[in-house]
Each structure stands twice: as structure tokens, then as C-alpha cells.
PDB file of N, CA and C in Angstrom:
ATOM      1  N   MET A   1      23.383 192.116 -22.682  1.00  0.00           N
ATOM      2  CA  MET A   1      23.783 191.095 -23.551  1.00  0.00           C
ATOM      3  C   MET A   1      23.079 189.788 -22.906  1.00  0.00           C
ATOM      4  N   LEU A   2      23.182 189.575 -21.649  1.00  0.00           N
ATOM      5  CA  LEU A   2      22.608 188.495 -21.066  1.00  0.00           C
ATOM      6  C   LEU A   2      21.072 188.354 -21.345  1.00  0.00           C
ATOM      7  N   GLN A   3      20.330 189.532 -21.445  1.00  0.00           N
ATOM      8  CA  GLN A   3      18.997 189.461 -21.810  1.00  0.00           C
ATOM      9  C   GLN A   3      18.739 188.949 -23.230  1.00  0.00           C
ATOM     10  N   LEU A   4      19.599 189.309 -24.073  1.00  0.00           N
ATOM     11  CA  LEU A   4      19.690 188.873 -25.510  1.00  0.00           C
ATOM     12  C   LEU A   4      19.857 187.277 -25.624  1.00  0.00           C
ATOM     13  N   CYS A   5      20.731 186.947 -24.758  1.00  0.00           N
ATOM     14  CA  CYS A   5      21.048 185.454 -24.636  1.00  0.00           C
ATOM     15  C   CYS A   5      19.809 184.612 -24.134  1.00  0.00           C
ATOM     16  N   ILE A   6      19.226 185.275 -23.211  1.00  0.00           N
ATOM     17  CA  ILE A   6      17.897 184.584 -22.696  1.00  0.00           C
ATOM     18  C   ILE A   6      16.894 184.477 -23.736  1.00  0.00           C
ATOM     19  N   TYR A   7      16.670 185.506 -24.427  1.00  0.00           N
ATOM     20  CA  TYR A   7      15.777 185.642 -25.566  1.00  0.00           C
ATOM     21  C   TYR A   7      16.131 184.536 -26.594  1.00  0.00           C
ATOM     22  N   ALA A   8      17.386 184.505 -26.907  1.00  0.00           N
ATOM     23  CA  ALA A   8      17.797 183.521 -28.005  1.00  0.00           C
ATOM     24  C   ALA A   8      17.489 181.967 -27.549  1.00  0.00           C
ATOM     25  N   GLU A   9      17.709 181.788 -26.176  1.00  0.00           N
ATOM     26  CA  GLU A   9      17.444 180.443 -25.686  1.00  0.00           C
ATOM     27  C   GLU A   9      15.906 180.309 -25.675  1.00  0.00           C
ATOM     28  N   LEU A  10      15.068 181.173 -25.428  1.00  0.00           N
ATOM     29  CA  LEU A  10      13.702 180.890 -25.443  1.00  0.00           C
ATOM     30  C   LEU A  10      13.189 180.797 -26.929  1.00  0.00           C
ATOM     31  N   VAL A  11      13.793 181.514 -27.834  1.00  0.00           N
ATOM     32  CA  VAL A  11      13.340 181.384 -29.193  1.00  0.00           C
ATOM     33  C   VAL A  11      13.793 179.899 -29.708  1.00  0.00           C
ATOM     34  N   ALA A  12      14.894 179.466 -29.264  1.00  0.00           N
ATOM     35  CA  ALA A  12      15.343 178.150 -29.699  1.00  0.00           C
ATOM     36  C   ALA A  12      14.571 177.134 -29.047  1.00  0.00           C
ATOM     37  N   SER A  13      14.001 177.213 -27.905  1.00  0.00           N
ATOM     38  CA  SER A  13      13.148 176.271 -27.337  1.00  0.00           C
ATOM     39  C   SER A  13      11.803 176.163 -27.965  1.00  0.00           C
ATOM     40  N   VAL A  14      11.364 177.299 -28.529  1.00  0.00           N
ATOM     41  CA  VAL A  14       9.964 177.243 -29.170  1.00  0.00           C
ATOM     42  C   VAL A  14      10.188 176.808 -30.685  1.00  0.00           C
ATOM     43  N   GLN A  15      11.169 177.335 -31.327  1.00  0.00           N
ATOM     44  CA  GLN A  15      11.302 177.172 -32.747  1.00  0.00           C
ATOM     45  C   GLN A  15      12.220 176.066 -33.079  1.00  0.00           C
ATOM     46  N   GLY A  16      12.948 175.560 -32.138  1.00  0.00           N
ATOM     47  CA  GLY A  16      13.923 174.419 -32.410  1.00  0.00           C
ATOM     48  C   GLY A  16      15.187 174.864 -33.123  1.00  0.00           C
ATOM     49  N   LEU A  17      15.380 176.160 -33.305  1.00  0.00           N
ATOM     50  CA  LEU A  17      16.543 176.632 -33.955  1.00  0.00           C
ATOM     51  C   LEU A  17      16.991 177.847 -33.269  1.00  0.00           C
ATOM     52  N   LYS A  18      18.302 177.855 -32.908  1.00  0.00           N
ATOM     53  CA  LYS A  18      18.923 178.936 -32.247  1.00  0.00           C
ATOM     54  C   LYS A  18      19.196 180.179 -33.064  1.00  0.00           C
ATOM     55  N   PRO A  19      18.792 181.382 -32.761  1.00  0.00           N
ATOM     56  CA  PRO A  19      19.117 182.489 -33.585  1.00  0.00           C
ATOM     57  C   PRO A  19      20.604 182.682 -33.759  1.00  0.00           C
ATOM     58  N   GLU A  20      21.098 182.941 -34.880  1.00  0.00           N
ATOM     59  CA  GLU A  20      22.565 183.230 -35.131  1.00  0.00           C
ATOM     60  C   GLU A  20      22.930 184.652 -34.533  1.00  0.00           C
ATOM     61  N   HIS A  21      22.058 185.536 -34.803  1.00  0.00           N
ATOM     62  CA  HIS A  21      22.259 187.035 -34.375  1.00  0.00           C
ATOM     63  C   HIS A  21      21.168 187.507 -33.666  1.00  0.00           C
ATOM     64  N   SER A  22      21.382 188.576 -32.810  1.00  0.00           N
ATOM     65  CA  SER A  22      20.382 189.372 -32.188  1.00  0.00           C
ATOM     66  C   SER A  22      20.563 190.899 -32.679  1.00  0.00           C
ATOM     67  N   TYR A  23      19.504 191.584 -32.723  1.00  0.00           N
ATOM     68  CA  TYR A  23      19.603 192.928 -33.166  1.00  0.00           C
ATOM     69  C   TYR A  23      19.049 193.928 -32.139  1.00  0.00           C
ATOM     70  N   VAL A  24      19.676 195.002 -31.907  1.00  0.00           N
ATOM     71  CA  VAL A  24      19.378 196.057 -31.055  1.00  0.00           C
ATOM     72  C   VAL A  24      19.345 197.299 -31.751  1.00  0.00           C
ATOM     73  N   VAL A  25      18.134 198.082 -31.666  1.00  0.00           N
ATOM     74  CA  VAL A  25      17.937 199.442 -32.344  1.00  0.00           C
ATOM     75  C   VAL A  25      17.740 200.385 -31.305  1.00  0.00           C
ATOM     76  N   THR A  26      18.781 201.235 -31.211  1.00  0.00           N
ATOM     77  CA  THR A  26      18.602 202.327 -30.173  1.00  0.00           C
ATOM     78  C   THR A  26      18.537 203.775 -30.781  1.00  0.00           C
ATOM     79  N   PRO A  27      17.832 204.664 -30.297  1.00  0.00           N
ATOM     80  CA  PRO A  27      17.659 206.074 -30.805  1.00  0.00           C
ATOM     81  C   PRO A  27      18.914 206.710 -30.927  1.00  0.00           C
ATOM     82  N   TRP A  28      19.827 206.531 -30.208  1.00  0.00           N
ATOM     83  CA  TRP A  28      21.229 207.429 -30.342  1.00  0.00           C
ATOM     84  C   TRP A  28      22.017 206.811 -31.437  1.00  0.00           C
ATOM     85  N   SER A  29      21.697 205.645 -32.066  1.00  0.00           N
ATOM     86  CA  SER A  29      22.447 205.106 -33.120  1.00  0.00           C
ATOM     87  C   SER A  29      21.753 205.428 -34.549  1.00  0.00           C
ATOM     88  N   TYR A  30      20.903 206.624 -34.489  1.00  0.00           N
ATOM     89  CA  TYR A  30      20.067 206.900 -35.624  1.00  0.00           C
ATOM     90  C   TYR A  30      19.184 205.701 -36.145  1.00  0.00           C
ATOM     91  N   TYR A  31      18.835 204.857 -35.178  1.00  0.00           N
ATOM     92  CA  TYR A  31      18.015 203.690 -35.506  1.00  0.00           C
ATOM     93  C   TYR A  31      18.598 202.676 -36.411  1.00  0.00           C
ATOM     94  N   GLU A  32      19.977 202.707 -36.344  1.00  0.00           N
ATOM     95  CA  GLU A  32      20.582 201.672 -37.133  1.00  0.00           C
ATOM     96  C   GLU A  32      20.858 200.474 -36.375  1.00  0.00           C
ATOM     97  N   PRO A  33      20.423 199.256 -36.717  1.00  0.00           N
ATOM     98  CA  PRO A  33      20.563 198.108 -35.833  1.00  0.00           C
ATOM     99  C   PRO A  33      21.926 197.769 -35.552  1.00  0.00           C
ATOM    100  N   GLN A  34      22.196 197.318 -34.370  1.00  0.00           N
ATOM    101  CA  GLN A  34      23.513 196.925 -33.917  1.00  0.00           C
ATOM    102  C   GLN A  34      23.385 195.406 -33.832  1.00  0.00           C
ATOM    103  N   ILE A  35      24.150 194.687 -34.546  1.00  0.00           N
ATOM    104  CA  ILE A  35      24.034 193.204 -34.722  1.00  0.00           C
ATOM    105  C   ILE A  35      25.141 192.480 -33.698  1.00  0.00           C
ATOM    106  N   PHE A  36      24.554 191.501 -33.081  1.00  0.00           N
ATOM    107  CA  PHE A  36      25.340 190.810 -32.124  1.00  0.00           C
ATOM    108  C   PHE A  36      25.390 189.320 -32.469  1.00  0.00           C
ATOM    109  N   ARG A  37      26.479 188.649 -32.722  1.00  0.00           N
ATOM    110  CA  ARG A  37      26.456 187.265 -33.041  1.00  0.00           C
ATOM    111  C   ARG A  37      26.543 186.451 -31.610  1.00  0.00           C
ATOM    112  N   MET A  38      25.389 185.744 -31.504  1.00  0.00           N
ATOM    113  CA  MET A  38      24.960 185.071 -30.170  1.00  0.00           C
ATOM    114  C   MET A  38      26.061 184.118 -29.780  1.00  0.00           C
ATOM    115  N   ASP A  39      26.732 183.439 -30.568  1.00  0.00           N
ATOM    116  CA  ASP A  39      27.726 182.361 -30.255  1.00  0.00           C
ATOM    117  C   ASP A  39      28.942 183.036 -29.581  1.00  0.00           C
ATOM    118  N   ASP A  40      29.166 184.410 -29.796  1.00  0.00           N
ATOM    119  CA  ASP A  40      30.218 185.053 -29.171  1.00  0.00           C
ATOM    120  C   ASP A  40      29.980 185.266 -27.692  1.00  0.00           C
ATOM    121  N   TYR A  41      28.837 185.195 -27.185  1.00  0.00           N
ATOM    122  CA  TYR A  41      28.449 185.515 -25.833  1.00  0.00           C
ATOM    123  C   TYR A  41      27.888 184.116 -25.158  1.00  0.00           C
ATOM    124  N   ALA A  42      27.712 182.987 -25.840  1.00  0.00           N
ATOM    125  CA  ALA A  42      27.068 181.922 -25.343  1.00  0.00           C
ATOM    126  C   ALA A  42      27.712 181.386 -24.217  1.00  0.00           C
ATOM    127  N   ALA A  43      29.057 181.198 -24.262  1.00  0.00           N
ATOM    128  CA  ALA A  43      29.882 180.564 -23.132  1.00  0.00           C
ATOM    129  C   ALA A  43      29.544 181.443 -21.872  1.00  0.00           C
ATOM    130  N   TYR A  44      29.659 182.697 -22.033  1.00  0.00           N
ATOM    131  CA  TYR A  44      29.545 183.558 -20.734  1.00  0.00           C
ATOM    132  C   TYR A  44      28.168 183.422 -20.166  1.00  0.00           C
ATOM    133  N   TYR A  45      27.222 183.407 -21.071  1.00  0.00           N
ATOM    134  CA  TYR A  45      25.915 183.299 -20.688  1.00  0.00           C
ATOM    135  C   TYR A  45      25.596 182.032 -19.908  1.00  0.00           C
ATOM    136  N   ARG A  46      26.018 180.916 -20.502  1.00  0.00           N
ATOM    137  CA  ARG A  46      25.923 179.543 -19.790  1.00  0.00           C
ATOM    138  C   ARG A  46      26.537 179.540 -18.494  1.00  0.00           C
ATOM    139  N   ARG A  47      27.739 180.231 -18.299  1.00  0.00           N
ATOM    140  CA  ARG A  47      28.449 180.324 -16.977  1.00  0.00           C
ATOM    141  C   ARG A  47      27.658 181.077 -16.074  1.00  0.00           C
ATOM    142  N   VAL A  48      27.219 182.232 -16.383  1.00  0.00           N
ATOM    143  CA  VAL A  48      26.310 182.964 -15.429  1.00  0.00           C
ATOM    144  C   VAL A  48      24.999 182.191 -15.167  1.00  0.00           C
ATOM    145  N   ARG A  49      24.258 181.662 -16.144  1.00  0.00           N
ATOM    146  CA  ARG A  49      23.036 180.926 -15.981  1.00  0.00           C
ATOM    147  C   ARG A  49      23.233 179.754 -14.992  1.00  0.00           C
ATOM    148  N   ASP A  50      24.388 179.038 -15.346  1.00  0.00           N
ATOM    149  CA  ASP A  50      24.685 177.765 -14.390  1.00  0.00           C
ATOM    150  C   ASP A  50      25.014 178.238 -13.097  1.00  0.00           C
ATOM    151  N   GLY A  51      25.814 179.317 -12.805  1.00  0.00           N
ATOM    152  CA  GLY A  51      26.055 179.770 -11.573  1.00  0.00           C
ATOM    153  C   GLY A  51      24.835 180.159 -10.756  1.00  0.00           C
ATOM    154  N   LEU A  52      23.916 180.810 -11.456  1.00  0.00           N
ATOM    155  CA  LEU A  52      22.737 181.220 -10.680  1.00  0.00           C
ATOM    156  C   LEU A  52      21.905 179.992 -10.336  1.00  0.00           C
ATOM    157  N   ALA A  53      21.818 179.053 -11.198  1.00  0.00           N
ATOM    158  CA  ALA A  53      21.187 177.795 -10.839  1.00  0.00           C
ATOM    159  C   ALA A  53      21.799 176.947  -9.767  1.00  0.00           C
ATOM    160  N   ARG A  54      23.088 177.065  -9.608  1.00  0.00           N
ATOM    161  CA  ARG A  54      23.754 176.450  -8.496  1.00  0.00           C
ATOM    162  C   ARG A  54      23.457 177.191  -7.213  1.00  0.00           C
ATOM    163  N   ALA A  55      23.537 178.542  -7.331  1.00  0.00           N
ATOM    164  CA  ALA A  55      23.174 179.283  -6.093  1.00  0.00           C
ATOM    165  C   ALA A  55      21.827 179.063  -5.527  1.00  0.00           C
ATOM    166  N   ILE A  56      20.844 178.922  -6.526  1.00  0.00           N
ATOM    167  CA  ILE A  56      19.478 178.676  -6.112  1.00  0.00           C
ATOM    168  C   ILE A  56      19.407 177.348  -5.472  1.00  0.00           C
ATOM    169  N   ASP A  57      20.151 176.400  -6.144  1.00  0.00           N
ATOM    170  CA  ASP A  57      20.064 174.893  -5.587  1.00  0.00           C
ATOM    171  C   ASP A  57      20.717 174.837  -4.137  1.00  0.00           C
ATOM    172  N   GLU A  58      21.782 175.641  -3.986  1.00  0.00           N
ATOM    173  CA  GLU A  58      22.571 175.553  -2.706  1.00  0.00           C
ATOM    174  C   GLU A  58      21.884 176.264  -1.576  1.00  0.00           C
ATOM    175  N   HIS A  59      20.774 176.992  -1.995  1.00  0.00           N
ATOM    176  CA  HIS A  59      20.050 177.837  -0.898  1.00  0.00           C
ATOM    177  C   HIS A  59      19.473 176.874   0.172  1.00  0.00           C
ATOM    178  N   GLY A  60      18.852 175.831  -0.273  1.00  0.00           N
ATOM    179  CA  GLY A  60      18.359 174.754   0.513  1.00  0.00           C
ATOM    180  C   GLY A  60      17.540 175.026   1.855  1.00  0.00           C
ATOM    181  N   GLY A  61      17.328 176.348   1.964  1.00  0.00           N
ATOM    182  CA  GLY A  61      16.388 176.800   3.012  1.00  0.00           C
ATOM    183  C   GLY A  61      14.987 176.897   2.631  1.00  0.00           C
ATOM    184  N   PRO A  62      14.170 177.518   3.433  1.00  0.00           N
ATOM    185  CA  PRO A  62      12.741 177.610   3.187  1.00  0.00           C
ATOM    186  C   PRO A  62      12.552 178.461   1.870  1.00  0.00           C
ATOM    187  N   GLU A  63      11.476 178.331   1.396  1.00  0.00           N
ATOM    188  CA  GLU A  63      11.088 179.128   0.124  1.00  0.00           C
ATOM    189  C   GLU A  63      11.409 180.512   0.381  1.00  0.00           C
ATOM    190  N   ILE A  64      11.799 181.279  -0.620  1.00  0.00           N
ATOM    191  CA  ILE A  64      12.051 182.719  -0.520  1.00  0.00           C
ATOM    192  C   ILE A  64      10.775 183.386  -0.841  1.00  0.00           C
ATOM    193  N   TYR A  65      10.566 184.327   0.104  1.00  0.00           N
ATOM    194  CA  TYR A  65       9.215 185.142   0.041  1.00  0.00           C
ATOM    195  C   TYR A  65       9.543 186.666   0.230  1.00  0.00           C
ATOM    196  N   PRO A  66       8.606 187.331  -0.142  1.00  0.00           N
ATOM    197  CA  PRO A  66       8.976 188.871  -0.129  1.00  0.00           C
ATOM    198  C   PRO A  66       8.678 189.320   1.366  1.00  0.00           C
ATOM    199  N   ASP A  67       9.638 190.045   1.688  1.00  0.00           N
ATOM    200  CA  ASP A  67       9.439 190.626   3.095  1.00  0.00           C
ATOM    201  C   ASP A  67       8.547 191.928   2.934  1.00  0.00           C
ATOM    202  N   PRO A  68       7.635 192.139   3.810  1.00  0.00           N
ATOM    203  CA  PRO A  68       6.771 193.398   3.732  1.00  0.00           C
ATOM    204  C   PRO A  68       7.530 194.573   3.816  1.00  0.00           C
ATOM    205  N   ASN A  69       7.163 195.666   3.209  1.00  0.00           N
ATOM    206  CA  ASN A  69       7.764 196.955   3.298  1.00  0.00           C
ATOM    207  C   ASN A  69       6.629 198.127   3.053  1.00  0.00           C
ATOM    208  N   THR A  70       7.134 199.146   3.306  1.00  0.00           N
ATOM    209  CA  THR A  70       6.248 200.393   3.213  1.00  0.00           C
ATOM    210  C   THR A  70       5.523 200.493   1.843  1.00  0.00           C
ATOM    211  N   HIS A  71       5.997 200.054   0.881  1.00  0.00           N
ATOM    212  CA  HIS A  71       5.383 199.985  -0.484  1.00  0.00           C
ATOM    213  C   HIS A  71       4.293 199.125  -0.604  1.00  0.00           C
ATOM    214  N   CYS A  72       4.245 198.149   0.217  1.00  0.00           N
ATOM    215  CA  CYS A  72       3.171 197.033   0.164  1.00  0.00           C
ATOM    216  C   CYS A  72       1.606 197.722   0.115  1.00  0.00           C
ATOM    217  N   ASP A  73       1.455 198.790   0.949  1.00  0.00           N
ATOM    218  CA  ASP A  73       0.181 199.302   1.014  1.00  0.00           C
ATOM    219  C   ASP A  73      -0.403 199.887  -0.290  1.00  0.00           C
ATOM    220  N   ILE A  74       0.522 200.175  -1.271  1.00  0.00           N
ATOM    221  CA  ILE A  74       0.056 200.748  -2.632  1.00  0.00           C
ATOM    222  C   ILE A  74       0.422 199.920  -3.745  1.00  0.00           C
ATOM    223  N   CYS A  75       0.984 198.688  -3.450  1.00  0.00           N
ATOM    224  CA  CYS A  75       1.372 197.849  -4.545  1.00  0.00           C
ATOM    225  C   CYS A  75       0.251 197.000  -5.153  1.00  0.00           C
ATOM    226  N   ARG A  76       0.260 196.914  -6.480  1.00  0.00           N
ATOM    227  CA  ARG A  76      -0.674 196.202  -7.128  1.00  0.00           C
ATOM    228  C   ARG A  76      -0.727 194.772  -6.820  1.00  0.00           C
ATOM    229  N   TRP A  77       0.422 194.196  -6.351  1.00  0.00           N
ATOM    230  CA  TRP A  77       0.565 192.767  -6.180  1.00  0.00           C
ATOM    231  C   TRP A  77       0.282 192.471  -4.726  1.00  0.00           C
ATOM    232  N   GLN A  78      -0.187 193.345  -3.892  1.00  0.00           N
ATOM    233  CA  GLN A  78      -0.444 193.137  -2.372  1.00  0.00           C
ATOM    234  C   GLN A  78      -1.211 191.852  -2.095  1.00  0.00           C
ATOM    235  N   VAL A  79      -2.370 191.756  -2.939  1.00  0.00           N
ATOM    236  CA  VAL A  79      -3.309 190.556  -2.707  1.00  0.00           C
ATOM    237  C   VAL A  79      -2.627 189.267  -2.985  1.00  0.00           C
ATOM    238  N   ARG A  80      -1.807 189.249  -4.128  1.00  0.00           N
ATOM    239  CA  ARG A  80      -1.234 188.026  -4.289  1.00  0.00           C
ATOM    240  C   ARG A  80      -0.037 187.663  -3.489  1.00  0.00           C
ATOM    241  N   CYS A  81       0.722 188.582  -2.897  1.00  0.00           N
ATOM    242  CA  CYS A  81       1.775 188.352  -2.067  1.00  0.00           C
ATOM    243  C   CYS A  81       1.099 187.939  -0.606  1.00  0.00           C
ATOM    244  N   ASP A  82       0.038 188.583  -0.256  1.00  0.00           N
ATOM    245  CA  ASP A  82      -0.567 188.138   1.005  1.00  0.00           C
ATOM    246  C   ASP A  82      -1.040 186.724   0.984  1.00  0.00           C
ATOM    247  N   LYS A  83      -1.435 186.138  -0.182  1.00  0.00           N
ATOM    248  CA  LYS A  83      -1.786 184.791  -0.319  1.00  0.00           C
ATOM    249  C   LYS A  83      -0.611 183.944  -0.071  1.00  0.00           C
TER     250      LYS A  83
END
């Protein structure tokens, strides 16, 4: 649900209009769309989003960077990480 809320926020930032509903189609529902009214989840989403932003702001330490691990040798992002 949080992912749908993020999508709705991104759509609103581009189009200037917040979507009223989001739809999810899953194979186990015989491809019938499940409809979610975004205002039903907006307050919870804002709380989680703002809590994450506060946690990031309070970090206050050095930039977060990836710690090397055994997967680095085969990772496609290795060159970018090394930079």
C-alpha cells in the first residue's frame, strides 16, 4: 500500500492532480482489479514518510555508504560503488 501511495504522490507531482484510486491486478484474483481509495491510506503514508525523513535527518553522521561484502566481486554496480 505504501508503494501505491508513493506512486500516487509522484503522479500528483507530475500531473498536478492526485489520483483518487489505485488499482492492483493479481493473477489469483482472476485478473479482476482491486480498487484502493488513496485517501484511506494517505494519513498513514504521510506518517511513515515523515518518520523516515526525520530518521534520515537525525542521522547527522557521515554519508551512508555501502559496506563491501562477498557479493561485490560479481555485482554489476561494483564500478559505481568503488567510485
